[in-house]
Amino acid sequence: MTYGAERVELHNLSSNRAEHATADESKAQSEIVAPLSKLALDWYATLPTEADPSCLSKPMASPSPTPRPGRLRIKSANSQAMKM
């Protein structure tokens, strides 16, 4: 259902798990669609239009940058330092 019930679809999920638009049964099952649409629209009308500030998370402080490890230098007995 779209906002305002401009478009409604009804699918039988036991036979149409993918909800293919070609298998929309809303026209054939209008006796089911009408009460379900009313329930959904009535429920939607009870929802708040703005978020309750007590439910919003507080802004987080920017995390400090993680120090990057330096390069590991390995010296062999007979060669120069090797970067890894």
PDB file of N, CA and C in Angstrom:
ATOM      1  N   MET A   1       0.836  -1.167   0.000  1.00  0.00           N
ATOM      2  CA  MET A   1       0.000   0.000   0.000  1.00  0.00           C
ATOM      3  C   MET A   1       0.887   1.237   0.000  1.00  0.00           C
ATOM      4  N   THR A   2       0.541   2.163  -0.823  1.00  0.00           N
ATOM      5  CA  THR A   2       1.238   3.442  -0.834  1.00  0.00           C
ATOM      6  C   THR A   2       0.550   4.396   0.126  1.00  0.00           C
ATOM      7  N   TYR A   3       1.184   5.514   0.421  1.00  0.00           N
ATOM      8  CA  TYR A   3       0.598   6.505   1.302  1.00  0.00           C
ATOM      9  C   TYR A   3      -0.764   6.917   0.759  1.00  0.00           C
ATOM     10  N   GLY A   4      -1.755   6.938   1.615  1.00  0.00           N
ATOM     11  CA  GLY A   4      -3.094   7.330   1.195  1.00  0.00           C
ATOM     12  C   GLY A   4      -3.832   6.231   0.454  1.00  0.00           C
ATOM     13  N   ALA A   5      -3.281   5.046   0.406  1.00  0.00           N
ATOM     14  CA  ALA A   5      -3.880   3.883  -0.266  1.00  0.00           C
ATOM     15  C   ALA A   5      -4.125   4.145  -1.746  1.00  0.00           C
ATOM     16  N   GLU A   6      -3.244   4.928  -2.362  1.00  0.00           N
ATOM     17  CA  GLU A   6      -3.388   5.185  -3.795  1.00  0.00           C
ATOM     18  C   GLU A   6      -3.172   3.912  -4.605  1.00  0.00           C
ATOM     19  N   ARG A   7      -2.276   3.054  -4.127  1.00  0.00           N
ATOM     20  CA  ARG A   7      -2.038   1.773  -4.788  1.00  0.00           C
ATOM     21  C   ARG A   7      -1.971   0.696  -3.716  1.00  0.00           C
ATOM     22  N   VAL A   8      -2.738  -0.352  -3.907  1.00  0.00           N
ATOM     23  CA  VAL A   8      -2.785  -1.452  -2.947  1.00  0.00           C
ATOM     24  C   VAL A   8      -2.520  -2.741  -3.705  1.00  0.00           C
ATOM     25  N   GLU A   9      -1.741  -3.614  -3.092  1.00  0.00           N
ATOM     26  CA  GLU A   9      -1.505  -4.935  -3.673  1.00  0.00           C
ATOM     27  C   GLU A   9      -1.790  -5.985  -2.617  1.00  0.00           C
ATOM     28  N   LEU A  10      -2.272  -7.124  -3.048  1.00  0.00           N
ATOM     29  CA  LEU A  10      -2.529  -8.255  -2.167  1.00  0.00           C
ATOM     30  C   LEU A  10      -1.920  -9.485  -2.826  1.00  0.00           C
ATOM     31  N   HIS A  11      -1.101 -10.188  -2.069  1.00  0.00           N
ATOM     32  CA  HIS A  11      -0.420 -11.366  -2.610  1.00  0.00           C
ATOM     33  C   HIS A  11      -0.630 -12.568  -1.705  1.00  0.00           C
ATOM     34  N   ASN A  12      -0.788 -13.718  -2.307  1.00  0.00           N
ATOM     35  CA  ASN A  12      -0.872 -14.986  -1.589  1.00  0.00           C
ATOM     36  C   ASN A  12       0.563 -15.511  -1.486  1.00  0.00           C
ATOM     37  N   LEU A  13       1.178 -15.333  -0.325  1.00  0.00           N
ATOM     38  CA  LEU A  13       2.588 -15.671  -0.184  1.00  0.00           C
ATOM     39  C   LEU A  13       2.854 -17.170  -0.224  1.00  0.00           C
ATOM     40  N   SER A  14       1.845 -17.993  -0.002  1.00  0.00           N
ATOM     41  CA  SER A  14       2.083 -19.435  -0.099  1.00  0.00           C
ATOM     42  C   SER A  14       2.263 -19.870  -1.555  1.00  0.00           C
ATOM     43  N   SER A  15       1.683 -19.122  -2.493  1.00  0.00           N
ATOM     44  CA  SER A  15       1.848 -19.475  -3.901  1.00  0.00           C
ATOM     45  C   SER A  15       2.644 -18.436  -4.688  1.00  0.00           C
ATOM     46  N   ASN A  16       2.944 -17.297  -4.070  1.00  0.00           N
ATOM     47  CA  ASN A  16       3.628 -16.204  -4.771  1.00  0.00           C
ATOM     48  C   ASN A  16       4.613 -15.535  -3.810  1.00  0.00           C
ATOM     49  N   ARG A  17       5.628 -16.289  -3.414  1.00  0.00           N
ATOM     50  CA  ARG A  17       6.571 -15.789  -2.408  1.00  0.00           C
ATOM     51  C   ARG A  17       7.330 -14.561  -2.877  1.00  0.00           C
ATOM     52  N   ALA A  18       7.532 -14.423  -4.169  1.00  0.00           N
ATOM     53  CA  ALA A  18       8.286 -13.286  -4.706  1.00  0.00           C
ATOM     54  C   ALA A  18       7.413 -12.048  -4.887  1.00  0.00           C
ATOM     55  N   GLU A  19       6.139 -12.160  -4.629  1.00  0.00           N
ATOM     56  CA  GLU A  19       5.192 -11.050  -4.764  1.00  0.00           C
ATOM     57  C   GLU A  19       5.240 -10.415  -6.162  1.00  0.00           C
ATOM     58  N   HIS A  20       5.189 -11.254  -7.183  1.00  0.00           N
ATOM     59  CA  HIS A  20       5.172 -10.757  -8.561  1.00  0.00           C
ATOM     60  C   HIS A  20       3.952  -9.883  -8.786  1.00  0.00           C
ATOM     61  N   ALA A  21       4.157  -8.745  -9.408  1.00  0.00           N
ATOM     62  CA  ALA A  21       3.061  -7.796  -9.645  1.00  0.00           C
ATOM     63  C   ALA A  21       1.958  -8.415 -10.504  1.00  0.00           C
ATOM     64  N   THR A  22       2.315  -9.340 -11.357  1.00  0.00           N
ATOM     65  CA  THR A  22       1.305  -9.951 -12.222  1.00  0.00           C
ATOM     66  C   THR A  22       0.367 -10.854 -11.429  1.00  0.00           C
ATOM     67  N   ALA A  23       0.753 -11.228 -10.208  1.00  0.00           N
ATOM     68  CA  ALA A  23      -0.090 -12.092  -9.385  1.00  0.00           C
ATOM     69  C   ALA A  23      -0.809 -11.305  -8.291  1.00  0.00           C
ATOM     70  N   ASP A  24      -0.975 -10.002  -8.475  1.00  0.00           N
ATOM     71  CA  ASP A  24      -1.675  -9.157  -7.515  1.00  0.00           C
ATOM     72  C   ASP A  24      -3.145  -9.569  -7.465  1.00  0.00           C
ATOM     73  N   GLU A  25      -3.636  -9.892  -6.272  1.00  0.00           N
ATOM     74  CA  GLU A  25      -5.011 -10.350  -6.109  1.00  0.00           C
ATOM     75  C   GLU A  25      -5.916  -9.294  -5.476  1.00  0.00           C
ATOM     76  N   SER A  26      -5.474  -8.045  -5.423  1.00  0.00           N
ATOM     77  CA  SER A  26      -6.264  -7.014  -4.744  1.00  0.00           C
ATOM     78  C   SER A  26      -7.614  -6.760  -5.410  1.00  0.00           C
ATOM     79  N   LYS A  27      -7.678  -6.841  -6.708  1.00  0.00           N
ATOM     80  CA  LYS A  27      -8.956  -6.606  -7.409  1.00  0.00           C
ATOM     81  C   LYS A  27      -9.928  -7.756  -7.153  1.00  0.00           C
ATOM     82  N   ALA A  28      -9.428  -8.973  -7.195  1.00  0.00           N
ATOM     83  CA  ALA A  28     -10.274 -10.154  -7.018  1.00  0.00           C
ATOM     84  C   ALA A  28     -10.678 -10.363  -5.555  1.00  0.00           C
ATOM     85  N   GLN A  29      -9.902  -9.831  -4.624  1.00  0.00           N
ATOM     86  CA  GLN A  29     -10.158 -10.036  -3.198  1.00  0.00           C
ATOM     87  C   GLN A  29     -10.475  -8.719  -2.491  1.00  0.00           C
ATOM     88  N   SER A  30     -11.316  -7.888  -3.087  1.00  0.00           N
ATOM     89  CA  SER A  30     -11.609  -6.563  -2.530  1.00  0.00           C
ATOM     90  C   SER A  30     -12.232  -6.639  -1.137  1.00  0.00           C
ATOM     91  N   GLU A  31     -12.916  -7.747  -0.823  1.00  0.00           N
ATOM     92  CA  GLU A  31     -13.513  -7.895   0.514  1.00  0.00           C
ATOM     93  C   GLU A  31     -12.436  -8.044   1.594  1.00  0.00           C
ATOM     94  N   ILE A  32     -11.248  -8.433   1.204  1.00  0.00           N
ATOM     95  CA  ILE A  32     -10.119  -8.514   2.144  1.00  0.00           C
ATOM     96  C   ILE A  32      -9.342  -7.203   2.149  1.00  0.00           C
ATOM     97  N   VAL A  33      -9.172  -6.612   0.978  1.00  0.00           N
ATOM     98  CA  VAL A  33      -8.365  -5.395   0.839  1.00  0.00           C
ATOM     99  C   VAL A  33      -8.977  -4.209   1.576  1.00  0.00           C
ATOM    100  N   ALA A  34     -10.265  -4.018   1.482  1.00  0.00           N
ATOM    101  CA  ALA A  34     -10.908  -2.845   2.090  1.00  0.00           C
ATOM    102  C   ALA A  34     -10.689  -2.769   3.602  1.00  0.00           C
ATOM    103  N   PRO A  35     -10.984  -3.835   4.380  1.00  0.00           N
ATOM    104  CA  PRO A  35     -10.767  -3.722   5.819  1.00  0.00           C
ATOM    105  C   PRO A  35      -9.285  -3.622   6.195  1.00  0.00           C
ATOM    106  N   LEU A  36      -8.417  -4.306   5.457  1.00  0.00           N
ATOM    107  CA  LEU A  36      -6.982  -4.211   5.744  1.00  0.00           C
ATOM    108  C   LEU A  36      -6.455  -2.804   5.462  1.00  0.00           C
ATOM    109  N   SER A  37      -6.917  -2.207   4.385  1.00  0.00           N
ATOM    110  CA  SER A  37      -6.520  -0.833   4.058  1.00  0.00           C
ATOM    111  C   SER A  37      -6.979   0.132   5.139  1.00  0.00           C
ATOM    112  N   LYS A  38      -8.213  -0.048   5.612  1.00  0.00           N
ATOM    113  CA  LYS A  38      -8.728   0.827   6.671  1.00  0.00           C
ATOM    114  C   LYS A  38      -7.914   0.663   7.945  1.00  0.00           C
ATOM    115  N   LEU A  39      -7.598  -0.565   8.309  1.00  0.00           N
ATOM    116  CA  LEU A  39      -6.779  -0.805   9.502  1.00  0.00           C
ATOM    117  C   LEU A  39      -5.419  -0.126   9.381  1.00  0.00           C
ATOM    118  N   ALA A  40      -4.785  -0.268   8.231  1.00  0.00           N
ATOM    119  CA  ALA A  40      -3.455   0.327   8.031  1.00  0.00           C
ATOM    120  C   ALA A  40      -3.523   1.853   8.078  1.00  0.00           C
ATOM    121  N   LEU A  41      -4.515   2.435   7.440  1.00  0.00           N
ATOM    122  CA  LEU A  41      -4.641   3.901   7.433  1.00  0.00           C
ATOM    123  C   LEU A  41      -5.009   4.439   8.819  1.00  0.00           C
ATOM    124  N   ASP A  42      -5.874   3.724   9.545  1.00  0.00           N
ATOM    125  CA  ASP A  42      -6.226   4.138  10.914  1.00  0.00           C
ATOM    126  C   ASP A  42      -4.997   4.074  11.817  1.00  0.00           C
ATOM    127  N   TRP A  43      -4.212   3.016  11.674  1.00  0.00           N
ATOM    128  CA  TRP A  43      -2.985   2.889  12.468  1.00  0.00           C
ATOM    129  C   TRP A  43      -2.017   4.013  12.118  1.00  0.00           C
ATOM    130  N   TYR A  44      -1.850   4.285  10.833  1.00  0.00           N
ATOM    131  CA  TYR A  44      -0.921   5.327  10.393  1.00  0.00           C
ATOM    132  C   TYR A  44      -1.312   6.690  10.966  1.00  0.00           C
ATOM    133  N   ALA A  45      -2.605   6.932  11.099  1.00  0.00           N
ATOM    134  CA  ALA A  45      -3.088   8.213  11.631  1.00  0.00           C
ATOM    135  C   ALA A  45      -2.731   8.397  13.102  1.00  0.00           C
ATOM    136  N   THR A  46      -2.437   7.308  13.812  1.00  0.00           N
ATOM    137  CA  THR A  46      -2.077   7.409  15.231  1.00  0.00           C
ATOM    138  C   THR A  46      -0.592   7.682  15.443  1.00  0.00           C
ATOM    139  N   LEU A  47       0.204   7.577  14.403  1.00  0.00           N
ATOM    140  CA  LEU A  47       1.646   7.770  14.551  1.00  0.00           C
ATOM    141  C   LEU A  47       1.983   9.240  14.756  1.00  0.00           C
ATOM    142  N   PRO A  48       3.012   9.522  15.562  1.00  0.00           N
ATOM    143  CA  PRO A  48       3.408  10.920  15.761  1.00  0.00           C
ATOM    144  C   PRO A  48       3.983  11.499  14.472  1.00  0.00           C
ATOM    145  N   THR A  49       3.829  12.802  14.323  1.00  0.00           N
ATOM    146  CA  THR A  49       4.369  13.457  13.127  1.00  0.00           C
ATOM    147  C   THR A  49       5.814  13.892  13.327  1.00  0.00           C
ATOM    148  N   GLU A  50       6.246  13.971  14.596  1.00  0.00           N
ATOM    149  CA  GLU A  50       7.638  14.325  14.891  1.00  0.00           C
ATOM    150  C   GLU A  50       8.197  13.325  15.891  1.00  0.00           C
ATOM    151  N   ALA A  51       9.491  13.124  15.847  1.00  0.00           N
ATOM    152  CA  ALA A  51      10.140  12.194  16.764  1.00  0.00           C
ATOM    153  C   ALA A  51      10.184  12.772  18.170  1.00  0.00           C
ATOM    154  N   ASP A  52       9.986  11.924  19.173  1.00  0.00           N
ATOM    155  CA  ASP A  52      10.098  12.327  20.573  1.00  0.00           C
ATOM    156  C   ASP A  52      11.577  12.582  20.860  1.00  0.00           C
ATOM    157  N   PRO A  53      11.939  13.792  21.290  1.00  0.00           N
ATOM    158  CA  PRO A  53      13.355  14.106  21.530  1.00  0.00           C
ATOM    159  C   PRO A  53      14.024  13.158  22.521  1.00  0.00           C
ATOM    160  N   SER A  54      13.267  12.603  23.467  1.00  0.00           N
ATOM    161  CA  SER A  54      13.875  11.686  24.433  1.00  0.00           C
ATOM    162  C   SER A  54      14.256  10.357  23.792  1.00  0.00           C
ATOM    163  N   CYS A  55      13.748  10.076  22.609  1.00  0.00           N
ATOM    164  CA  CYS A  55      14.068   8.835  21.912  1.00  0.00           C
ATOM    165  C   CYS A  55      15.255   8.977  20.956  1.00  0.00           C
ATOM    166  N   LEU A  56      15.710  10.204  20.738  1.00  0.00           N
ATOM    167  CA  LEU A  56      16.803  10.432  19.802  1.00  0.00           C
ATOM    168  C   LEU A  56      18.139  10.241  20.502  1.00  0.00           C
ATOM    169  N   SER A  57      19.084   9.697  19.810  1.00  0.00           N
ATOM    170  CA  SER A  57      20.406   9.522  20.398  1.00  0.00           C
ATOM    171  C   SER A  57      21.129  10.866  20.452  1.00  0.00           C
ATOM    172  N   LYS A  58      22.007  10.960  21.401  1.00  0.00           N
ATOM    173  CA  LYS A  58      22.797  12.183  21.553  1.00  0.00           C
ATOM    174  C   LYS A  58      23.899  12.177  20.498  1.00  0.00           C
ATOM    175  N   PRO A  59      24.264  13.339  19.972  1.00  0.00           N
ATOM    176  CA  PRO A  59      25.362  13.373  19.001  1.00  0.00           C
ATOM    177  C   PRO A  59      26.646  12.863  19.654  1.00  0.00           C
ATOM    178  N   MET A  60      27.366  12.063  18.938  1.00  0.00           N
ATOM    179  CA  MET A  60      28.625  11.517  19.448  1.00  0.00           C
ATOM    180  C   MET A  60      29.758  12.487  19.170  1.00  0.00           C
ATOM    181  N   ALA A  61      30.687  12.536  20.098  1.00  0.00           N
ATOM    182  CA  ALA A  61      31.892  13.328  19.874  1.00  0.00           C
ATOM    183  C   ALA A  61      32.710  12.630  18.799  1.00  0.00           C
ATOM    184  N   SER A  62      33.429  13.393  18.040  1.00  0.00           N
ATOM    185  CA  SER A  62      34.275  12.808  17.006  1.00  0.00           C
ATOM    186  C   SER A  62      35.332  11.944  17.662  1.00  0.00           C
ATOM    187  N   PRO A  63      35.481  10.720  17.199  1.00  0.00           N
ATOM    188  CA  PRO A  63      36.504   9.859  17.804  1.00  0.00           C
ATOM    189  C   PRO A  63      37.892  10.373  17.482  1.00  0.00           C
ATOM    190  N   SER A  64      38.793  10.176  18.426  1.00  0.00           N
ATOM    191  CA  SER A  64      40.165  10.592  18.161  1.00  0.00           C
ATOM    192  C   SER A  64      40.760   9.622  17.149  1.00  0.00           C
ATOM    193  N   PRO A  65      41.599  10.123  16.274  1.00  0.00           N
ATOM    194  CA  PRO A  65      42.170   9.244  15.250  1.00  0.00           C
ATOM    195  C   PRO A  65      43.003   8.141  15.896  1.00  0.00           C
ATOM    196  N   THR A  66      42.863   6.956  15.353  1.00  0.00           N
ATOM    197  CA  THR A  66      43.631   5.820  15.847  1.00  0.00           C
ATOM    198  C   THR A  66      45.071   5.959  15.373  1.00  0.00           C
ATOM    199  N   PRO A  67      46.014   5.844  16.301  1.00  0.00           N
ATOM    200  CA  PRO A  67      47.406   5.964  15.863  1.00  0.00           C
ATOM    201  C   PRO A  67      47.753   4.834  14.907  1.00  0.00           C
ATOM    202  N   ARG A  68      48.456   5.169  13.846  1.00  0.00           N
ATOM    203  CA  ARG A  68      48.878   4.171  12.868  1.00  0.00           C
ATOM    204  C   ARG A  68      50.222   3.615  13.289  1.00  0.00           C
ATOM    205  N   PRO A  69      50.357   2.318  13.255  1.00  0.00           N
ATOM    206  CA  PRO A  69      51.648   1.737  13.643  1.00  0.00           C
ATOM    207  C   PRO A  69      52.726   2.114  12.629  1.00  0.00           C
ATOM    208  N   GLY A  70      53.913   2.250  13.123  1.00  0.00           N
ATOM    209  CA  GLY A  70      55.043   2.551  12.243  1.00  0.00           C
ATOM    210  C   GLY A  70      55.417   1.332  11.428  1.00  0.00           C
ATOM    211  N   ARG A  71      56.311   1.525  10.513  1.00  0.00           N
ATOM    212  CA  ARG A  71      56.764   0.398   9.691  1.00  0.00           C
ATOM    213  C   ARG A  71      57.728  -0.454  10.489  1.00  0.00           C
ATOM    214  N   LEU A  72      57.605  -1.730  10.285  1.00  0.00           N
ATOM    215  CA  LEU A  72      58.498  -2.665  10.945  1.00  0.00           C
ATOM    216  C   LEU A  72      59.768  -2.777  10.112  1.00  0.00           C
ATOM    217  N   ARG A  73      60.882  -2.581  10.735  1.00  0.00           N
ATOM    218  CA  ARG A  73      62.168  -2.693  10.031  1.00  0.00           C
ATOM    219  C   ARG A  73      62.930  -3.889  10.593  1.00  0.00           C
ATOM    220  N   ILE A  74      63.314  -4.742   9.682  1.00  0.00           N
ATOM    221  CA  ILE A  74      64.068  -5.926  10.080  1.00  0.00           C
ATOM    222  C   ILE A  74      65.453  -5.822   9.465  1.00  0.00           C
ATOM    223  N   LYS A  75      66.491  -6.038  10.283  1.00  0.00           N
ATOM    224  CA  LYS A  75      67.870  -6.013   9.796  1.00  0.00           C
ATOM    225  C   LYS A  75      68.423  -7.416   9.828  1.00  0.00           C
ATOM    226  N   SER A  76      68.913  -7.822   8.687  1.00  0.00           N
ATOM    227  CA  SER A  76      69.596  -9.114   8.687  1.00  0.00           C
ATOM    228  C   SER A  76      71.072  -8.848   8.958  1.00  0.00           C
ATOM    229  N   ALA A  77      71.745  -9.880   9.286  1.00  0.00           N
ATOM    230  CA  ALA A  77      73.141  -9.736   9.658  1.00  0.00           C
ATOM    231  C   ALA A  77      73.988  -9.205   8.502  1.00  0.00           C
ATOM    232  N   ASN A  78      73.663  -9.534   7.266  1.00  0.00           N
ATOM    233  CA  ASN A  78      74.502  -9.156   6.147  1.00  0.00           C
ATOM    234  C   ASN A  78      73.801  -8.258   5.129  1.00  0.00           C
ATOM    235  N   SER A  79      72.673  -7.599   5.505  1.00  0.00           N
ATOM    236  CA  SER A  79      72.013  -6.717   4.558  1.00  0.00           C
ATOM    237  C   SER A  79      71.574  -5.437   5.271  1.00  0.00           C
ATOM    238  N   GLN A  80      71.062  -4.495   4.477  1.00  0.00           N
ATOM    239  CA  GLN A  80      70.555  -3.244   5.025  1.00  0.00           C
ATOM    240  C   GLN A  80      69.168  -3.497   5.657  1.00  0.00           C
ATOM    241  N   ALA A  81      68.622  -2.485   6.274  1.00  0.00           N
ATOM    242  CA  ALA A  81      67.307  -2.614   6.882  1.00  0.00           C
ATOM    243  C   ALA A  81      66.268  -2.878   5.814  1.00  0.00           C
ATOM    244  N   MET A  82      65.374  -3.822   6.048  1.00  0.00           N
ATOM    245  CA  MET A  82      64.310  -4.166   5.099  1.00  0.00           C
ATOM    246  C   MET A  82      62.999  -3.583   5.621  1.00  0.00           C
ATOM    247  N   LYS A  83      62.271  -2.909   4.734  1.00  0.00           N
ATOM    248  CA  LYS A  83      60.965  -2.390   5.127  1.00  0.00           C
ATOM    249  C   LYS A  83      59.902  -3.445   4.871  1.00  0.00           C
ATOM    250  N   MET A  84      58.983  -3.584   5.768  1.00  0.00           N
ATOM    251  CA  MET A  84      57.870  -4.518   5.588  1.00  0.00           C
ATOM    252  C   MET A  84      56.560  -3.780   5.646  1.00  0.00           C
TER     253      MET A  84
END
